[in-house]
Amino acid sequence: EPYRAWATFQFTGDSGRVNESDLLIAVLGGLYLLELKGHPGRVVNHG
């Protein structure tokens, strides 16, 4: 305690939109929402 993590869950936002999340972590410093992607290779950001 007080560390918690929830993996692969859905929630409905106030907009009515269903959101899928990969990982939500609760620690003393706050909540962290992580989206995990499994793409191999090099990634380049083009905005």
All heavy atoms as atom14 arrays in JSON, in Angstrom:
{
  "sequence": "EPYRAWATFQFTGDSGRVNESDLLIAVLGGLYLLELKGHPGRVVNHG",
  "atom14_mask": [
    [1, 1, 1, 1, 1, 1, 1, 1, 1, 0, 0, 0, 0, 0],
    [1, 1, 1, 1, 1, 1, 1, 0, 0, 0, 0, 0, 0, 0],
    [1, 1, 1, 1, 1, 1, 1, 1, 1, 1, 1, 1, 0, 0],
    [1, 1, 1, 1, 1, 1, 1, 1, 1, 1, 1, 0, 0, 0],
    [1, 1, 1, 1, 1, 0, 0, 0, 0, 0, 0, 0, 0, 0],
    [1, 1, 1, 1, 1, 1, 1, 1, 1, 1, 1, 1, 1, 1],
    [1, 1, 1, 1, 1, 0, 0, 0, 0, 0, 0, 0, 0, 0],
    [1, 1, 1, 1, 1, 1, 1, 0, 0, 0, 0, 0, 0, 0],
    [1, 1, 1, 1, 1, 1, 1, 1, 1, 1, 1, 0, 0, 0],
    [1, 1, 1, 1, 1, 1, 1, 1, 1, 0, 0, 0, 0, 0],
    [1, 1, 1, 1, 1, 1, 1, 1, 1, 1, 1, 0, 0, 0],
    [1, 1, 1, 1, 1, 1, 1, 0, 0, 0, 0, 0, 0, 0],
    [1, 1, 1, 1, 0, 0, 0, 0, 0, 0, 0, 0, 0, 0],
    [1, 1, 1, 1, 1, 1, 1, 1, 0, 0, 0, 0, 0, 0],
    [1, 1, 1, 1, 1, 1, 0, 0, 0, 0, 0, 0, 0, 0],
    [1, 1, 1, 1, 0, 0, 0, 0, 0, 0, 0, 0, 0, 0],
    [1, 1, 1, 1, 1, 1, 1, 1, 1, 1, 1, 0, 0, 0],
    [1, 1, 1, 1, 1, 1, 1, 0, 0, 0, 0, 0, 0, 0],
    [1, 1, 1, 1, 1, 1, 1, 1, 0, 0, 0, 0, 0, 0],
    [1, 1, 1, 1, 1, 1, 1, 1, 1, 0, 0, 0, 0, 0],
    [1, 1, 1, 1, 1, 1, 0, 0, 0, 0, 0, 0, 0, 0],
    [1, 1, 1, 1, 1, 1, 1, 1, 0, 0, 0, 0, 0, 0],
    [1, 1, 1, 1, 1, 1, 1, 1, 0, 0, 0, 0, 0, 0],
    [1, 1, 1, 1, 1, 1, 1, 1, 0, 0, 0, 0, 0, 0],
    [1, 1, 1, 1, 1, 1, 1, 1, 0, 0, 0, 0, 0, 0],
    [1, 1, 1, 1, 1, 0, 0, 0, 0, 0, 0, 0, 0, 0],
    [1, 1, 1, 1, 1, 1, 1, 0, 0, 0, 0, 0, 0, 0],
    [1, 1, 1, 1, 1, 1, 1, 1, 0, 0, 0, 0, 0, 0],
    [1, 1, 1, 1, 0, 0, 0, 0, 0, 0, 0, 0, 0, 0],
    [1, 1, 1, 1, 0, 0, 0, 0, 0, 0, 0, 0, 0, 0],
    [1, 1, 1, 1, 1, 1, 1, 1, 0, 0, 0, 0, 0, 0],
    [1, 1, 1, 1, 1, 1, 1, 1, 1, 1, 1, 1, 0, 0],
    [1, 1, 1, 1, 1, 1, 1, 1, 0, 0, 0, 0, 0, 0],
    [1, 1, 1, 1, 1, 1, 1, 1, 0, 0, 0, 0, 0, 0],
    [1, 1, 1, 1, 1, 1, 1, 1, 1, 0, 0, 0, 0, 0],
    [1, 1, 1, 1, 1, 1, 1, 1, 0, 0, 0, 0, 0, 0],
    [1, 1, 1, 1, 1, 1, 1, 1, 1, 0, 0, 0, 0, 0],
    [1, 1, 1, 1, 0, 0, 0, 0, 0, 0, 0, 0, 0, 0],
    [1, 1, 1, 1, 1, 1, 1, 1, 1, 1, 0, 0, 0, 0],
    [1, 1, 1, 1, 1, 1, 1, 0, 0, 0, 0, 0, 0, 0],
    [1, 1, 1, 1, 0, 0, 0, 0, 0, 0, 0, 0, 0, 0],
    [1, 1, 1, 1, 1, 1, 1, 1, 1, 1, 1, 0, 0, 0],
    [1, 1, 1, 1, 1, 1, 1, 0, 0, 0, 0, 0, 0, 0],
    [1, 1, 1, 1, 1, 1, 1, 0, 0, 0, 0, 0, 0, 0],
    [1, 1, 1, 1, 1, 1, 1, 1, 0, 0, 0, 0, 0, 0],
    [1, 1, 1, 1, 1, 1, 1, 1, 1, 1, 0, 0, 0, 0],
    [1, 1, 1, 1, 0, 0, 0, 0, 0, 0, 0, 0, 0, 0]
  ],
  "atom14_positions": [
    [[0.86, -1.19, 0.0], [0.0, 0.0, 0.0], [0.89, 1.24, 0.0], [1.97, 1.2, 0.57], [-0.89, -0.01, 1.24], [-1.89, -1.14, 1.26], [-2.93, -1.06, 0.15], [-3.19, 0.05, -0.35], [-3.46, -2.09, -0.23], [0.0, 0.0, 0.0], [0.0, 0.0, 0.0], [0.0, 0.0, 0.0], [0.0, 0.0, 0.0], [0.0, 0.0, 0.0]],
    [[0.54, 2.32, -0.59], [-0.69, 2.62, -1.3], [-0.55, 2.51, -2.82], [-1.23, 3.2, -3.56], [-0.95, 4.06, -0.9], [0.43, 4.66, -0.87], [1.32, 3.53, -0.35], [0.0, 0.0, 0.0], [0.0, 0.0, 0.0], [0.0, 0.0, 0.0], [0.0, 0.0, 0.0], [0.0, 0.0, 0.0], [0.0, 0.0, 0.0], [0.0, 0.0, 0.0]],
    [[0.33, 1.66, -3.31], [0.58, 1.54, -4.75], [-0.44, 0.6, -5.39], [-0.73, -0.47, -4.86], [1.99, 1.02, -4.99], [3.04, 1.91, -4.38], [3.54, 1.64, -3.11], [3.51, 3.02, -5.06], [4.49, 2.47, -2.54], [4.46, 3.85, -4.49], [4.95, 3.57, -3.23], [5.88, 4.38, -2.67], [0.0, 0.0, 0.0], [0.0, 0.0, 0.0]],
    [[-0.98, 1.02, -6.52], [-1.98, 0.22, -7.23], [-1.76, 0.37, -8.73], [-1.29, 1.41, -9.19], [-3.4, 0.69, -6.92], [-3.83, 0.47, -5.51], [-4.56, -0.85, -5.44], [-5.22, -0.96, -4.16], [-4.91, -1.87, -3.28], [-3.98, -2.73, -3.51], [-5.55, -1.93, -2.14], [0.0, 0.0, 0.0], [0.0, 0.0, 0.0], [0.0, 0.0, 0.0]],
    [[-2.19, -0.64, -9.5], [-2.16, -0.56, -10.96], [-3.34, -1.33, -11.52], [-3.73, -2.37, -10.99], [-0.85, -1.13, -11.49], [0.0, 0.0, 0.0], [0.0, 0.0, 0.0], [0.0, 0.0, 0.0], [0.0, 0.0, 0.0], [0.0, 0.0, 0.0], [0.0, 0.0, 0.0], [0.0, 0.0, 0.0], [0.0, 0.0, 0.0], [0.0, 0.0, 0.0]],
    [[-3.94, -0.77, -12.56], [-5.05, -1.42, -13.27], [-4.65, -1.51, -14.73], [-4.25, -0.51, -15.33], [-6.33, -0.61, -13.12], [-6.81, -0.52, -11.72], [-7.7, -1.35, -11.1], [-6.44, 0.46, -10.74], [-7.9, -0.94, -9.8], [-7.14, 0.17, -9.55], [-5.59, 1.56, -10.74], [-7.02, 0.92, -8.39], [-5.44, 2.31, -9.59], [-6.16, 1.99, -8.44]],
    [[-4.79, -2.7, -15.3], [-4.37, -2.91, -16.69], [-5.56, -3.28, -17.56], [-6.49, -3.95, -17.13], [-3.32, -4.02, -16.75], [0.0, 0.0, 0.0], [0.0, 0.0, 0.0], [0.0, 0.0, 0.0], [0.0, 0.0, 0.0], [0.0, 0.0, 0.0], [0.0, 0.0, 0.0], [0.0, 0.0, 0.0], [0.0, 0.0, 0.0], [0.0, 0.0, 0.0]],
    [[-5.52, -2.8, -18.78], [-6.47, -3.13, -19.84], [-7.91, -3.0, -19.35], [-8.57, -3.98, -19.03], [-6.22, -4.55, -20.37], [-4.83, -4.74, -20.57], [-6.93, -4.76, -21.69], [0.0, 0.0, 0.0], [0.0, 0.0, 0.0], [0.0, 0.0, 0.0], [0.0, 0.0, 0.0], [0.0, 0.0, 0.0], [0.0, 0.0, 0.0], [0.0, 0.0, 0.0]],
    [[-8.39, -1.78, -19.3], [-9.75, -1.53, -18.84], [-10.41, -0.47, -19.72], [-9.75, 0.22, -20.49], [-9.79, -1.1, -17.37], [-9.1, 0.22, -17.12], [-9.83, 1.4, -17.12], [-7.74, 0.27, -16.88], [-9.2, 2.62, -16.89], [-7.1, 1.49, -16.65], [-7.84, 2.66, -16.66], [0.0, 0.0, 0.0], [0.0, 0.0, 0.0], [0.0, 0.0, 0.0]],
    [[-11.72, -0.39, -19.61], [-12.5, 0.61, -20.35], [-13.25, 1.48, -19.36], [-13.62, 1.01, -18.28], [-13.51, -0.05, -21.27], [-12.91, -0.84, -22.39], [-13.99, -1.46, -23.26], [-15.12, -1.67, -22.84], [-13.63, -1.76, -24.49], [0.0, 0.0, 0.0], [0.0, 0.0, 0.0], [0.0, 0.0, 0.0], [0.0, 0.0, 0.0], [0.0, 0.0, 0.0]],
    [[-13.51, 2.72, -19.76], [-14.37, 3.6, -18.99], [-15.1, 4.52, -19.96], [-14.62, 4.78, -21.05], [-13.6, 4.39, -17.92], [-12.63, 5.39, -18.5], [-13.01, 6.72, -18.69], [-11.34, 5.02, -18.83], [-12.12, 7.64, -19.21], [-10.45, 5.95, -19.35], [-10.84, 7.25, -19.55], [0.0, 0.0, 0.0], [0.0, 0.0, 0.0], [0.0, 0.0, 0.0]],
    [[-16.25, 4.98, -19.54], [-17.04, 5.89, -20.36], [-16.84, 7.31, -19.85], [-17.06, 7.58, -18.67], [-18.53, 5.51, -20.32], [-18.66, 4.15, -20.73], [-19.35, 6.4, -21.24], [0.0, 0.0, 0.0], [0.0, 0.0, 0.0], [0.0, 0.0, 0.0], [0.0, 0.0, 0.0], [0.0, 0.0, 0.0], [0.0, 0.0, 0.0], [0.0, 0.0, 0.0]],
    [[-16.43, 8.19, -20.74], [-16.21, 9.58, -20.37], [-17.53, 10.33, -20.28], [-18.58, 9.82, -20.69], [0.0, 0.0, 0.0], [0.0, 0.0, 0.0], [0.0, 0.0, 0.0], [0.0, 0.0, 0.0], [0.0, 0.0, 0.0], [0.0, 0.0, 0.0], [0.0, 0.0, 0.0], [0.0, 0.0, 0.0], [0.0, 0.0, 0.0], [0.0, 0.0, 0.0]],
    [[-17.5, 11.55, -19.75], [-18.7, 12.37, -19.66], [-19.31, 12.63, -21.04], [-20.51, 12.87, -21.16], [-18.39, 13.71, -18.97], [-18.11, 13.53, -17.49], [-18.47, 12.46, -16.94], [-17.55, 14.44, -16.88], [0.0, 0.0, 0.0], [0.0, 0.0, 0.0], [0.0, 0.0, 0.0], [0.0, 0.0, 0.0], [0.0, 0.0, 0.0], [0.0, 0.0, 0.0]],
    [[-18.5, 12.55, -22.07], [-18.97, 12.76, -23.44], [-19.77, 11.57, -23.95], [-20.39, 11.65, -25.0], [-17.77, 13.0, -24.36], [-16.98, 11.81, -24.43], [0.0, 0.0, 0.0], [0.0, 0.0, 0.0], [0.0, 0.0, 0.0], [0.0, 0.0, 0.0], [0.0, 0.0, 0.0], [0.0, 0.0, 0.0], [0.0, 0.0, 0.0], [0.0, 0.0, 0.0]],
    [[-19.71, 10.45, -23.22], [-20.36, 9.23, -23.66], [-19.43, 8.34, -24.46], [-19.77, 7.22, -24.83], [0.0, 0.0, 0.0], [0.0, 0.0, 0.0], [0.0, 0.0, 0.0], [0.0, 0.0, 0.0], [0.0, 0.0, 0.0], [0.0, 0.0, 0.0], [0.0, 0.0, 0.0], [0.0, 0.0, 0.0], [0.0, 0.0, 0.0], [0.0, 0.0, 0.0]],
    [[-18.22, 8.81, -24.71], [-17.24, 8.06, -25.47], [-16.62, 6.97, -24.6], [-16.24, 7.21, -23.47], [-16.15, 9.04, -25.92], [-15.1, 8.47, -26.79], [-14.15, 9.61, -27.21], [-13.1, 9.1, -28.03], [-12.03, 8.47, -27.55], [-11.86, 8.31, -26.28], [-11.11, 8.01, -28.37], [0.0, 0.0, 0.0], [0.0, 0.0, 0.0], [0.0, 0.0, 0.0]],
    [[-16.51, 5.76, -25.15], [-15.87, 4.65, -24.45], [-14.38, 4.72, -24.72], [-13.94, 4.77, -25.87], [-16.44, 3.29, -24.9], [-15.7, 2.16, -24.22], [-17.93, 3.22, -24.6], [0.0, 0.0, 0.0], [0.0, 0.0, 0.0], [0.0, 0.0, 0.0], [0.0, 0.0, 0.0], [0.0, 0.0, 0.0], [0.0, 0.0, 0.0], [0.0, 0.0, 0.0]],
    [[-13.6, 4.76, -23.65], [-12.14, 4.85, -23.74], [-11.53, 3.54, -23.29], [-11.94, 2.98, -22.27], [-11.61, 5.97, -22.84], [-12.09, 7.33, -23.27], [-11.62, 7.88, -24.23], [-13.06, 7.87, -22.55], [0.0, 0.0, 0.0], [0.0, 0.0, 0.0], [0.0, 0.0, 0.0], [0.0, 0.0, 0.0], [0.0, 0.0, 0.0], [0.0, 0.0, 0.0]],
    [[-10.53, 3.08, -24.02], [-9.75, 1.93, -23.6], [-8.41, 2.44, -23.09], [-7.81, 3.31, -23.71], [-9.53, 0.97, -24.75], [-10.79, 0.3, -25.23], [-10.52, -0.7, -26.35], [-9.35, -0.85, -26.76], [-11.49, -1.29, -26.82], [0.0, 0.0, 0.0], [0.0, 0.0, 0.0], [0.0, 0.0, 0.0], [0.0, 0.0, 0.0], [0.0, 0.0, 0.0]],
    [[-7.97, 1.89, -21.97], [-6.67, 2.27, -21.42], [-5.84, 1.04, -21.17], [-6.36, -0.01, -20.77], [-6.85, 3.06, -20.12], [-7.42, 4.31, -20.4], [0.0, 0.0, 0.0], [0.0, 0.0, 0.0], [0.0, 0.0, 0.0], [0.0, 0.0, 0.0], [0.0, 0.0, 0.0], [0.0, 0.0, 0.0], [0.0, 0.0, 0.0], [0.0, 0.0, 0.0]],
    [[-4.54, 1.18, -21.37], [-3.64, 0.06, -21.17], [-3.23, -0.1, -19.71], [-3.2, -1.2, -19.19], [-2.38, 0.22, -22.03], [-2.69, 0.18, -23.51], [-3.62, -0.56, -23.9], [-2.03, 0.89, -24.28], [0.0, 0.0, 0.0], [0.0, 0.0, 0.0], [0.0, 0.0, 0.0], [0.0, 0.0, 0.0], [0.0, 0.0, 0.0], [0.0, 0.0, 0.0]],
    [[-2.92, 1.02, -19.04], [-2.43, 0.92, -17.68], [-2.66, 2.22, -16.93], [-2.35, 3.3, -17.44], [-0.92, 0.6, -17.7], [-0.24, 0.26, -16.39], [-0.85, -0.97, -15.74], [1.25, 0.02, -16.64], [0.0, 0.0, 0.0], [0.0, 0.0, 0.0], [0.0, 0.0, 0.0], [0.0, 0.0, 0.0], [0.0, 0.0, 0.0], [0.0, 0.0, 0.0]],
    [[-3.22, 2.13, -15.73], [-3.39, 3.26, -14.82], [-2.66, 2.91, -13.54], [-2.92, 1.86, -12.94], [-4.87, 3.52, -14.54], [-5.17, 4.67, -13.57], [-4.8, 6.01, -14.2], [-6.64, 4.66, -13.17], [0.0, 0.0, 0.0], [0.0, 0.0, 0.0], [0.0, 0.0, 0.0], [0.0, 0.0, 0.0], [0.0, 0.0, 0.0], [0.0, 0.0, 0.0]],
    [[-1.74, 3.76, -13.14], [-0.92, 3.51, -11.95], [-1.19, 4.6, -10.93], [-1.17, 5.79, -11.25], [0.58, 3.5, -12.3], [0.88, 2.38, -13.31], [1.43, 3.33, -11.05], [2.29, 2.38, -13.81], [0.0, 0.0, 0.0], [0.0, 0.0, 0.0], [0.0, 0.0, 0.0], [0.0, 0.0, 0.0], [0.0, 0.0, 0.0], [0.0, 0.0, 0.0]],
    [[-1.46, 4.19, -9.68], [-1.67, 5.13, -8.57], [-0.5, 4.97, -7.61], [-0.24, 3.87, -7.1], [-2.98, 4.83, -7.86], [0.0, 0.0, 0.0], [0.0, 0.0, 0.0], [0.0, 0.0, 0.0], [0.0, 0.0, 0.0], [0.0, 0.0, 0.0], [0.0, 0.0, 0.0], [0.0, 0.0, 0.0], [0.0, 0.0, 0.0], [0.0, 0.0, 0.0]],
    [[0.23, 6.06, -7.39], [1.36, 6.08, -6.46], [1.23, 7.34, -5.61], [0.34, 8.16, -5.82], [2.71, 6.05, -7.21], [2.88, 4.76, -7.98], [2.86, 7.23, -8.15], [0.0, 0.0, 0.0], [0.0, 0.0, 0.0], [0.0, 0.0, 0.0], [0.0, 0.0, 0.0], [0.0, 0.0, 0.0], [0.0, 0.0, 0.0], [0.0, 0.0, 0.0]],
    [[2.11, 7.5, -4.65], [2.05, 8.67, -3.77], [2.13, 9.97, -4.55], [1.53, 10.96, -4.16], [3.17, 8.61, -2.74], [3.04, 7.48, -1.7], [4.28, 7.42, -0.82], [1.8, 7.69, -0.87], [0.0, 0.0, 0.0], [0.0, 0.0, 0.0], [0.0, 0.0, 0.0], [0.0, 0.0, 0.0], [0.0, 0.0, 0.0], [0.0, 0.0, 0.0]],
    [[2.84, 9.99, -5.66], [3.03, 11.2, -6.45], [1.87, 11.53, -7.38], [1.86, 12.57, -8.02], [0.0, 0.0, 0.0], [0.0, 0.0, 0.0], [0.0, 0.0, 0.0], [0.0, 0.0, 0.0], [0.0, 0.0, 0.0], [0.0, 0.0, 0.0], [0.0, 0.0, 0.0], [0.0, 0.0, 0.0], [0.0, 0.0, 0.0], [0.0, 0.0, 0.0]],
    [[0.88, 10.64, -7.5], [-0.26, 10.93, -8.36], [-0.71, 9.72, -9.16], [-0.33, 8.59, -8.87], [0.0, 0.0, 0.0], [0.0, 0.0, 0.0], [0.0, 0.0, 0.0], [0.0, 0.0, 0.0], [0.0, 0.0, 0.0], [0.0, 0.0, 0.0], [0.0, 0.0, 0.0], [0.0, 0.0, 0.0], [0.0, 0.0, 0.0], [0.0, 0.0, 0.0]],
    [[-1.5, 10.01, -10.17], [-2.01, 8.98, -11.08], [-1.31, 9.12, -12.42], [-1.12, 10.24, -12.92], [-3.51, 9.14, -11.3], [-4.41, 8.84, -10.12], [-5.85, 9.21, -10.45], [-4.32, 7.38, -9.73], [0.0, 0.0, 0.0], [0.0, 0.0, 0.0], [0.0, 0.0, 0.0], [0.0, 0.0, 0.0], [0.0, 0.0, 0.0], [0.0, 0.0, 0.0]],
    [[-0.98, 7.99, -13.03], [-0.31, 7.99, -14.32], [-1.07, 7.07, -15.27], [-1.31, 5.91, -14.96], [1.14, 7.52, -14.18], [1.95, 8.46, -13.32], [2.01, 8.29, -11.94], [2.62, 9.52, -13.9], [2.74, 9.17, -11.15], [3.34, 10.41, -13.11], [3.4, 10.22, -11.74], [4.1, 11.09, -10.97], [0.0, 0.0, 0.0], [0.0, 0.0, 0.0]],
    [[-1.47, 7.61, -16.42], [-2.16, 6.85, -17.44], [-1.14, 6.53, -18.53], [-0.56, 7.45, -19.13], [-3.31, 7.67, -18.02], [-4.16, 7.0, -19.08], [-4.91, 5.8, -18.5], [-5.16, 8.01, -19.67], [0.0, 0.0, 0.0], [0.0, 0.0, 0.0], [0.0, 0.0, 0.0], [0.0, 0.0, 0.0], [0.0, 0.0, 0.0], [0.0, 0.0, 0.0]],
    [[-0.91, 5.26, -18.77], [0.07, 4.84, -19.77], [-0.63, 4.16, -20.94], [-1.52, 3.33, -20.74], [1.07, 3.84, -19.17], [2.16, 4.45, -18.31], [1.66, 4.81, -16.96], [3.3, 3.5, -18.22], [0.0, 0.0, 0.0], [0.0, 0.0, 0.0], [0.0, 0.0, 0.0], [0.0, 0.0, 0.0], [0.0, 0.0, 0.0], [0.0, 0.0, 0.0]],
    [[-0.23, 4.52, -22.12], [-0.69, 3.86, -23.34], [0.52, 3.13, -23.9], [1.56, 3.74, -24.15], [-1.22, 4.89, -24.34], [-2.5, 5.55, -23.91], [-3.68, 4.58, -23.82], [-3.79, 3.66, -24.66], [-4.48, 4.75, -22.9], [0.0, 0.0, 0.0], [0.0, 0.0, 0.0], [0.0, 0.0, 0.0], [0.0, 0.0, 0.0], [0.0, 0.0, 0.0]],
    [[0.38, 1.85, -24.07], [1.49, 1.02, -24.52], [1.31, 0.67, -26.0], [0.21, 0.31, -26.42], [1.57, -0.26, -23.69], [1.6, -0.04, -22.17], [1.5, -1.36, -21.44], [2.84, 0.72, -21.77], [0.0, 0.0, 0.0], [0.0, 0.0, 0.0], [0.0, 0.0, 0.0], [0.0, 0.0, 0.0], [0.0, 0.0, 0.0], [0.0, 0.0, 0.0]],
    [[2.37, 0.77, -26.76], [2.35, 0.43, -28.18], [3.47, -0.57, -28.45], [4.57, -0.42, -27.93], [2.54, 1.68, -29.07], [1.5, 2.76, -28.82], [0.1, 2.24, -29.11], [-0.95, 3.24, -28.7], [-2.2, 2.63, -28.33], [0.0, 0.0, 0.0], [0.0, 0.0, 0.0], [0.0, 0.0, 0.0], [0.0, 0.0, 0.0], [0.0, 0.0, 0.0]],
    [[3.19, -1.55, -29.26], [4.16, -2.6, -29.53], [4.61, -2.61, -30.98], [4.51, -3.63, -31.65], [0.0, 0.0, 0.0], [0.0, 0.0, 0.0], [0.0, 0.0, 0.0], [0.0, 0.0, 0.0], [0.0, 0.0, 0.0], [0.0, 0.0, 0.0], [0.0, 0.0, 0.0], [0.0, 0.0, 0.0], [0.0, 0.0, 0.0], [0.0, 0.0, 0.0]],
    [[5.1, -1.49, -31.46], [5.57, -1.41, -32.84], [7.09, -1.54, -32.86], [7.78, -0.76, -32.22], [5.16, -0.08, -33.48], [3.68, 0.13, -33.5], [2.85, -0.55, -34.34], [2.88, 0.94, -32.76], [1.6, -0.16, -34.15], [1.6, 0.74, -33.18], [0.0, 0.0, 0.0], [0.0, 0.0, 0.0], [0.0, 0.0, 0.0], [0.0, 0.0, 0.0]],
    [[7.6, -2.52, -33.59], [9.07, -2.67, -33.64], [9.71, -1.61, -34.53], [9.04, -0.97, -35.32], [9.23, -4.07, -34.26], [8.02, -4.24, -35.11], [6.91, -3.51, -34.38], [0.0, 0.0, 0.0], [0.0, 0.0, 0.0], [0.0, 0.0, 0.0], [0.0, 0.0, 0.0], [0.0, 0.0, 0.0], [0.0, 0.0, 0.0], [0.0, 0.0, 0.0]],
    [[11.01, -1.44, -34.36], [11.75, -0.54, -35.23], [11.93, 0.84, -34.64], [11.75, 1.07, -33.45], [0.0, 0.0, 0.0], [0.0, 0.0, 0.0], [0.0, 0.0, 0.0], [0.0, 0.0, 0.0], [0.0, 0.0, 0.0], [0.0, 0.0, 0.0], [0.0, 0.0, 0.0], [0.0, 0.0, 0.0], [0.0, 0.0, 0.0], [0.0, 0.0, 0.0]],
    [[12.25, 1.76, -35.5], [12.54, 3.15, -35.12], [11.29, 3.98, -35.35], [10.59, 3.82, -36.33], [13.69, 3.66, -36.0], [14.13, 5.06, -35.74], [15.35, 5.4, -36.6], [15.11, 5.24, -38.01], [14.73, 6.23, -38.84], [14.56, 7.46, -38.35], [14.54, 6.01, -40.11], [0.0, 0.0, 0.0], [0.0, 0.0, 0.0], [0.0, 0.0, 0.0]],
    [[11.01, 4.9, -34.42], [9.85, 5.78, -34.57], [10.33, 7.2, -34.84], [11.32, 7.66, -34.25], [8.93, 5.73, -33.32], [9.63, 6.27, -32.08], [7.65, 6.49, -33.56], [0.0, 0.0, 0.0], [0.0, 0.0, 0.0], [0.0, 0.0, 0.0], [0.0, 0.0, 0.0], [0.0, 0.0, 0.0], [0.0, 0.0, 0.0], [0.0, 0.0, 0.0]],
    [[9.64, 7.87, -35.76], [9.96, 9.25, -36.11], [8.68, 10.07, -35.96], [7.63, 9.7, -36.51], [10.49, 9.36, -37.56], [10.77, 10.81, -37.92], [11.72, 8.51, -37.74], [0.0, 0.0, 0.0], [0.0, 0.0, 0.0], [0.0, 0.0, 0.0], [0.0, 0.0, 0.0], [0.0, 0.0, 0.0], [0.0, 0.0, 0.0], [0.0, 0.0, 0.0]],
    [[8.77, 11.16, -35.22], [7.62, 12.04, -34.99], [7.61, 13.1, -36.08], [8.58, 13.83, -36.28], [7.74, 12.69, -33.61], [6.59, 13.62, -33.3], [5.82, 14.0, -34.16], [6.47, 14.0, -32.05], [0.0, 0.0, 0.0], [0.0, 0.0, 0.0], [0.0, 0.0, 0.0], [0.0, 0.0, 0.0], [0.0, 0.0, 0.0], [0.0, 0.0, 0.0]],
    [[6.47, 13.19, -36.79], [6.3, 14.21, -37.81], [5.16, 15.16, -37.42], [4.37, 15.58, -38.26], [5.99, 13.57, -39.17], [7.14, 12.8, -39.74], [8.26, 13.39, -40.27], [7.35, 11.46, -39.83], [9.1, 12.47, -40.68], [8.57, 11.29, -40.42], [0.0, 0.0, 0.0], [0.0, 0.0, 0.0], [0.0, 0.0, 0.0], [0.0, 0.0, 0.0]],
    [[5.04, 15.47, -36.14], [3.99, 16.37, -35.66], [2.66, 15.65, -35.55], [2.37, 15.04, -34.53], [0.0, 0.0, 0.0], [0.0, 0.0, 0.0], [0.0, 0.0, 0.0], [0.0, 0.0, 0.0], [0.0, 0.0, 0.0], [0.0, 0.0, 0.0], [0.0, 0.0, 0.0], [0.0, 0.0, 0.0], [0.0, 0.0, 0.0], [0.0, 0.0, 0.0]]
  ]
}
